[in-house]
Amino acid sequence: MNKIIILNGPNLNLLGEREKNQYGSLTLKDIEKICIDYSSRSDIRLSFFQSNLEGELVDRIQSSRNNQDGLIINAGGYTHTSVAIHDALKILKIPIIELHISNIYNREEFRHKSLISKVAKGVICGFGAEGYLMSLNAMNKFLEK
């Protein structure tokens, strides 16, 4: 059974309330339920963590190196600014998938740069909440190899 963690960064706890035209109407809890349903059919032990605090995300990334097989991260705004998250991800010896609900390349110029992409095995963006399931499916395939 593959152990996968999904990390969500700042403001993702407000999904379903904020910028529905960009992020849709599902809440983070709705997305987690959909992912849990998928993981129960796909032999995945799934865990979630969300924080608005950079250090808490770094701590969770660091602890994942010893107890996870794969990591999916939607770092929100930290994608474009956090050297600390980049450096923590770089330490991992497990596959990493960078995830975004919206297409970051279709938005403001500052969102076009990701500090996470260079350490990620793949990037999924622009598919809405469906991107979470796409990420789980891709991670499962990476881990089968």
C-alpha atoms as a PDB file:
ATOM      1  CA  MET A   1       0.000   0.000   0.000  1.00  0.00           C
ATOM      2  CA  ASN A   2       1.479   3.335  -1.086  1.00  0.00           C
ATOM      3  CA  LYS A   3       1.534   6.093   1.505  1.00  0.00           C
ATOM      4  CA  ILE A   4       0.901   9.487  -0.100  1.00  0.00           C
ATOM      5  CA  ILE A   5       0.528  12.859   1.564  1.00  0.00           C
ATOM      6  CA  ILE A   6      -1.213  15.859   0.027  1.00  0.00           C
ATOM      7  CA  LEU A   7      -0.026  19.206   1.358  1.00  0.00           C
ATOM      8  CA  ASN A   8      -2.038  22.376   0.855  1.00  0.00           C
ATOM      9  CA  GLY A   9      -0.673  25.847   1.500  1.00  0.00           C
ATOM     10  CA  PRO A  10      -2.111  29.216   2.409  1.00  0.00           C
ATOM     11  CA  ASN A  11      -5.705  30.182   1.706  1.00  0.00           C
ATOM     12  CA  LEU A  12      -6.650  26.740   0.391  1.00  0.00           C
ATOM     13  CA  ASN A  13      -8.663  26.263   3.578  1.00  0.00           C
ATOM     14  CA  LEU A  14     -11.026  28.867   2.056  1.00  0.00           C
ATOM     15  CA  LEU A  15     -11.771  26.938  -1.130  1.00  0.00           C
ATOM     16  CA  GLY A  16     -15.459  27.127  -1.931  1.00  0.00           C
ATOM     17  CA  GLU A  17     -15.611  30.699  -0.602  1.00  0.00           C
ATOM     18  CA  ARG A  18     -12.874  32.554  -2.455  1.00  0.00           C
ATOM     19  CA  GLU A  19     -12.539  33.336  -6.148  1.00  0.00           C
ATOM     20  CA  LYS A  20     -14.940  30.646  -7.290  1.00  0.00           C
ATOM     21  CA  ASN A  21     -14.278  31.640 -10.905  1.00  0.00           C
ATOM     22  CA  GLN A  22     -10.625  30.541 -10.417  1.00  0.00           C
ATOM     23  CA  TYR A  23     -10.972  27.714  -7.908  1.00  0.00           C
ATOM     24  CA  GLY A  24     -14.524  26.383  -8.204  1.00  0.00           C
ATOM     25  CA  SER A  25     -17.117  25.828  -5.514  1.00  0.00           C
ATOM     26  CA  LEU A  26     -15.772  22.694  -3.829  1.00  0.00           C
ATOM     27  CA  THR A  27     -14.339  23.118  -0.349  1.00  0.00           C
ATOM     28  CA  LEU A  28     -11.041  21.557   0.715  1.00  0.00           C
ATOM     29  CA  LYS A  29     -13.064  19.043   2.769  1.00  0.00           C
ATOM     30  CA  ASP A  30     -15.042  18.129  -0.401  1.00  0.00           C
ATOM     31  CA  ILE A  31     -11.792  17.556  -2.277  1.00  0.00           C
ATOM     32  CA  GLU A  32     -10.376  15.484   0.572  1.00  0.00           C
ATOM     33  CA  LYS A  33     -13.486  13.268   0.572  1.00  0.00           C
ATOM     34  CA  ILE A  34     -13.220  12.707  -3.185  1.00  0.00           C
ATOM     35  CA  CYS A  35      -9.533  11.824  -2.777  1.00  0.00           C
ATOM     36  CA  ILE A  36     -10.227   9.461   0.120  1.00  0.00           C
ATOM     37  CA  ASP A  37     -12.880   7.664  -1.966  1.00  0.00           C
ATOM     38  CA  TYR A  38     -10.363   7.310  -4.816  1.00  0.00           C
ATOM     39  CA  SER A  39      -7.564   6.137  -2.519  1.00  0.00           C
ATOM     40  CA  SER A  40      -9.715   3.439  -0.931  1.00  0.00           C
ATOM     41  CA  ARG A  41     -10.186   1.904  -4.405  1.00  0.00           C
ATOM     42  CA  SER A  42      -6.529   2.339  -5.375  1.00  0.00           C
ATOM     43  CA  ASP A  43      -4.598   0.796  -2.494  1.00  0.00           C
ATOM     44  CA  ILE A  44      -3.332   4.167  -1.247  1.00  0.00           C
ATOM     45  CA  ARG A  45      -2.991   5.231   2.372  1.00  0.00           C
ATOM     46  CA  LEU A  46      -3.679   8.928   2.084  1.00  0.00           C
ATOM     47  CA  SER A  47      -3.047  11.768   4.496  1.00  0.00           C
ATOM     48  CA  PHE A  48      -3.693  15.496   4.220  1.00  0.00           C
ATOM     49  CA  PHE A  49      -2.206  18.584   5.755  1.00  0.00           C
ATOM     50  CA  GLN A  50      -3.078  22.244   5.221  1.00  0.00           C
ATOM     51  CA  SER A  51      -1.410  25.250   6.741  1.00  0.00           C
ATOM     52  CA  ASN A  52      -1.212  28.961   6.146  1.00  0.00           C
ATOM     53  CA  LEU A  53       2.213  28.930   7.829  1.00  0.00           C
ATOM     54  CA  GLU A  54       5.357  28.291   5.817  1.00  0.00           C
ATOM     55  CA  GLY A  55       7.265  26.708   8.722  1.00  0.00           C
ATOM     56  CA  GLU A  56       4.502  24.194   9.410  1.00  0.00           C
ATOM     57  CA  LEU A  57       4.598  23.111   5.762  1.00  0.00           C
ATOM     58  CA  VAL A  58       8.395  22.780   5.930  1.00  0.00           C
ATOM     59  CA  ASP A  59       8.091  20.657   9.097  1.00  0.00           C
ATOM     60  CA  ARG A  60       5.557  18.360   7.432  1.00  0.00           C
ATOM     61  CA  ILE A  61       7.704  18.024   4.300  1.00  0.00           C
ATOM     62  CA  GLN A  62      10.724  17.111   6.432  1.00  0.00           C
ATOM     63  CA  SER A  63       8.790  14.493   8.394  1.00  0.00           C
ATOM     64  CA  SER A  64       7.484  12.997   5.126  1.00  0.00           C
ATOM     65  CA  ARG A  65      10.976  11.817   4.202  1.00  0.00           C
ATOM     66  CA  ASN A  66      10.678   9.022   6.787  1.00  0.00           C
ATOM     67  CA  ASN A  67       7.066   7.939   6.501  1.00  0.00           C
ATOM     68  CA  GLN A  68       5.679   8.647   3.005  1.00  0.00           C
ATOM     69  CA  ASP A  69       6.176   7.081  -0.416  1.00  0.00           C
ATOM     70  CA  GLY A  70       5.063  10.155  -2.362  1.00  0.00           C
ATOM     71  CA  LEU A  71       4.158  13.802  -1.794  1.00  0.00           C
ATOM     72  CA  ILE A  72       1.684  16.007  -3.666  1.00  0.00           C
ATOM     73  CA  ILE A  73       1.879  19.713  -2.909  1.00  0.00           C
ATOM     74  CA  ASN A  74      -0.372  22.632  -3.730  1.00  0.00           C
ATOM     75  CA  ALA A  75       1.733  25.293  -2.057  1.00  0.00           C
ATOM     76  CA  GLY A  76      -0.592  28.142  -3.050  1.00  0.00           C
ATOM     77  CA  GLY A  77       1.193  31.495  -2.997  1.00  0.00           C
ATOM     78  CA  TYR A  78       4.327  29.903  -1.502  1.00  0.00           C
ATOM     79  CA  THR A  79       4.909  28.267  -4.883  1.00  0.00           C
ATOM     80  CA  HIS A  80       6.298  31.535  -6.158  1.00  0.00           C
ATOM     81  CA  THR A  81       8.141  32.761  -3.072  1.00  0.00           C
ATOM     82  CA  SER A  82       9.331  30.043  -0.708  1.00  0.00           C
ATOM     83  CA  VAL A  83      12.960  29.040  -0.925  1.00  0.00           C
ATOM     84  CA  ALA A  84      12.422  27.219   2.389  1.00  0.00           C
ATOM     85  CA  ILE A  85       9.744  24.929   0.896  1.00  0.00           C
ATOM     86  CA  HIS A  86      11.905  24.372  -2.201  1.00  0.00           C
ATOM     87  CA  ASP A  87      14.879  23.412  -0.032  1.00  0.00           C
ATOM     88  CA  ALA A  88      12.808  21.049   2.139  1.00  0.00           C
ATOM     89  CA  LEU A  89      11.358  19.327  -0.941  1.00  0.00           C
ATOM     90  CA  LYS A  90      14.842  19.002  -2.430  1.00  0.00           C
ATOM     91  CA  ILE A  91      15.879  16.843   0.551  1.00  0.00           C
ATOM     92  CA  LEU A  92      13.183  14.225  -0.177  1.00  0.00           C
ATOM     93  CA  LYS A  93      14.061  10.994  -1.934  1.00  0.00           C
ATOM     94  CA  ILE A  94      10.403  10.321  -2.808  1.00  0.00           C
ATOM     95  CA  PRO A  95       8.469  11.522  -5.879  1.00  0.00           C
ATOM     96  CA  ILE A  96       6.900  14.971  -5.644  1.00  0.00           C
ATOM     97  CA  ILE A  97       4.030  16.302  -7.745  1.00  0.00           C
ATOM     98  CA  GLU A  98       3.341  20.031  -7.862  1.00  0.00           C
ATOM     99  CA  LEU A  99      -0.374  20.751  -8.118  1.00  0.00           C
ATOM    100  CA  HIS A 100      -2.423  23.861  -8.849  1.00  0.00           C
ATOM    101  CA  ILE A 101      -6.184  24.128  -9.255  1.00  0.00           C
ATOM    102  CA  SER A 102      -5.891  27.029 -11.696  1.00  0.00           C
ATOM    103  CA  ASN A 103      -3.539  27.374 -14.646  1.00  0.00           C
ATOM    104  CA  ILE A 104      -0.770  29.486 -13.134  1.00  0.00           C
ATOM    105  CA  TYR A 105       0.508  30.336 -16.627  1.00  0.00           C
ATOM    106  CA  ASN A 106      -2.848  31.864 -17.523  1.00  0.00           C
ATOM    107  CA  ARG A 107      -2.765  34.311 -14.619  1.00  0.00           C
ATOM    108  CA  GLU A 108      -0.687  37.208 -13.320  1.00  0.00           C
ATOM    109  CA  GLU A 109       2.943  37.286 -14.417  1.00  0.00           C
ATOM    110  CA  PHE A 110       4.306  36.700 -10.898  1.00  0.00           C
ATOM    111  CA  ARG A 111       2.497  33.340 -10.798  1.00  0.00           C
ATOM    112  CA  HIS A 112       4.374  32.061 -13.854  1.00  0.00           C
ATOM    113  CA  LYS A 113       7.497  31.318 -11.796  1.00  0.00           C
ATOM    114  CA  SER A 114       7.502  28.266  -9.551  1.00  0.00           C
ATOM    115  CA  LEU A 115      10.259  27.484  -7.084  1.00  0.00           C
ATOM    116  CA  ILE A 116       8.814  23.988  -6.694  1.00  0.00           C
ATOM    117  CA  SER A 117       8.841  22.801 -10.322  1.00  0.00           C
ATOM    118  CA  LYS A 118      12.580  22.135 -10.373  1.00  0.00           C
ATOM    119  CA  VAL A 119      12.285  19.557  -7.582  1.00  0.00           C
ATOM    120  CA  ALA A 120       8.977  18.013  -8.705  1.00  0.00           C
ATOM    121  CA  LYS A 121       8.675  14.912 -10.855  1.00  0.00           C
ATOM    122  CA  GLY A 122       5.666  16.502 -12.545  1.00  0.00           C
ATOM    123  CA  VAL A 123       3.289  19.457 -12.495  1.00  0.00           C
ATOM    124  CA  ILE A 124      -0.485  19.384 -12.847  1.00  0.00           C
ATOM    125  CA  CYS A 125      -2.299  22.697 -13.185  1.00  0.00           C
ATOM    126  CA  GLY A 126      -5.467  24.147 -14.601  1.00  0.00           C
ATOM    127  CA  PHE A 127      -7.809  21.180 -14.188  1.00  0.00           C
ATOM    128  CA  GLY A 128      -9.672  22.421 -11.132  1.00  0.00           C
ATOM    129  CA  ALA A 129     -10.284  20.039  -8.257  1.00  0.00           C
ATOM    130  CA  GLU A 130      -9.936  17.154 -10.741  1.00  0.00           C
ATOM    131  CA  GLY A 131      -6.198  17.873 -10.594  1.00  0.00           C
ATOM    132  CA  TYR A 132      -6.081  16.226  -7.163  1.00  0.00           C
ATOM    133  CA  LEU A 133      -7.320  12.927  -8.598  1.00  0.00           C
ATOM    134  CA  MET A 134      -5.015  13.300 -11.589  1.00  0.00           C
ATOM    135  CA  SER A 135      -2.125  13.802  -9.168  1.00  0.00           C
ATOM    136  CA  LEU A 136      -3.035  10.722  -7.139  1.00  0.00           C
ATOM    137  CA  ASN A 137      -3.306   8.637 -10.275  1.00  0.00           C
ATOM    138  CA  ALA A 138       0.045   9.906 -11.573  1.00  0.00           C
ATOM    139  CA  MET A 139       1.727   9.342  -8.207  1.00  0.00           C
ATOM    140  CA  ASN A 140       0.404   5.797  -8.039  1.00  0.00           C
ATOM    141  CA  LYS A 141       1.884   5.142 -11.508  1.00  0.00           C
ATOM    142  CA  PHE A 142       5.252   6.651 -10.453  1.00  0.00           C
ATOM    143  CA  LEU A 143       5.302   4.387  -7.412  1.00  0.00           C
ATOM    144  CA  GLU A 144       4.447   1.240  -9.420  1.00  0.00           C
ATOM    145  CA  LYS A 145       7.649   1.539 -11.473  1.00  0.00           C
END
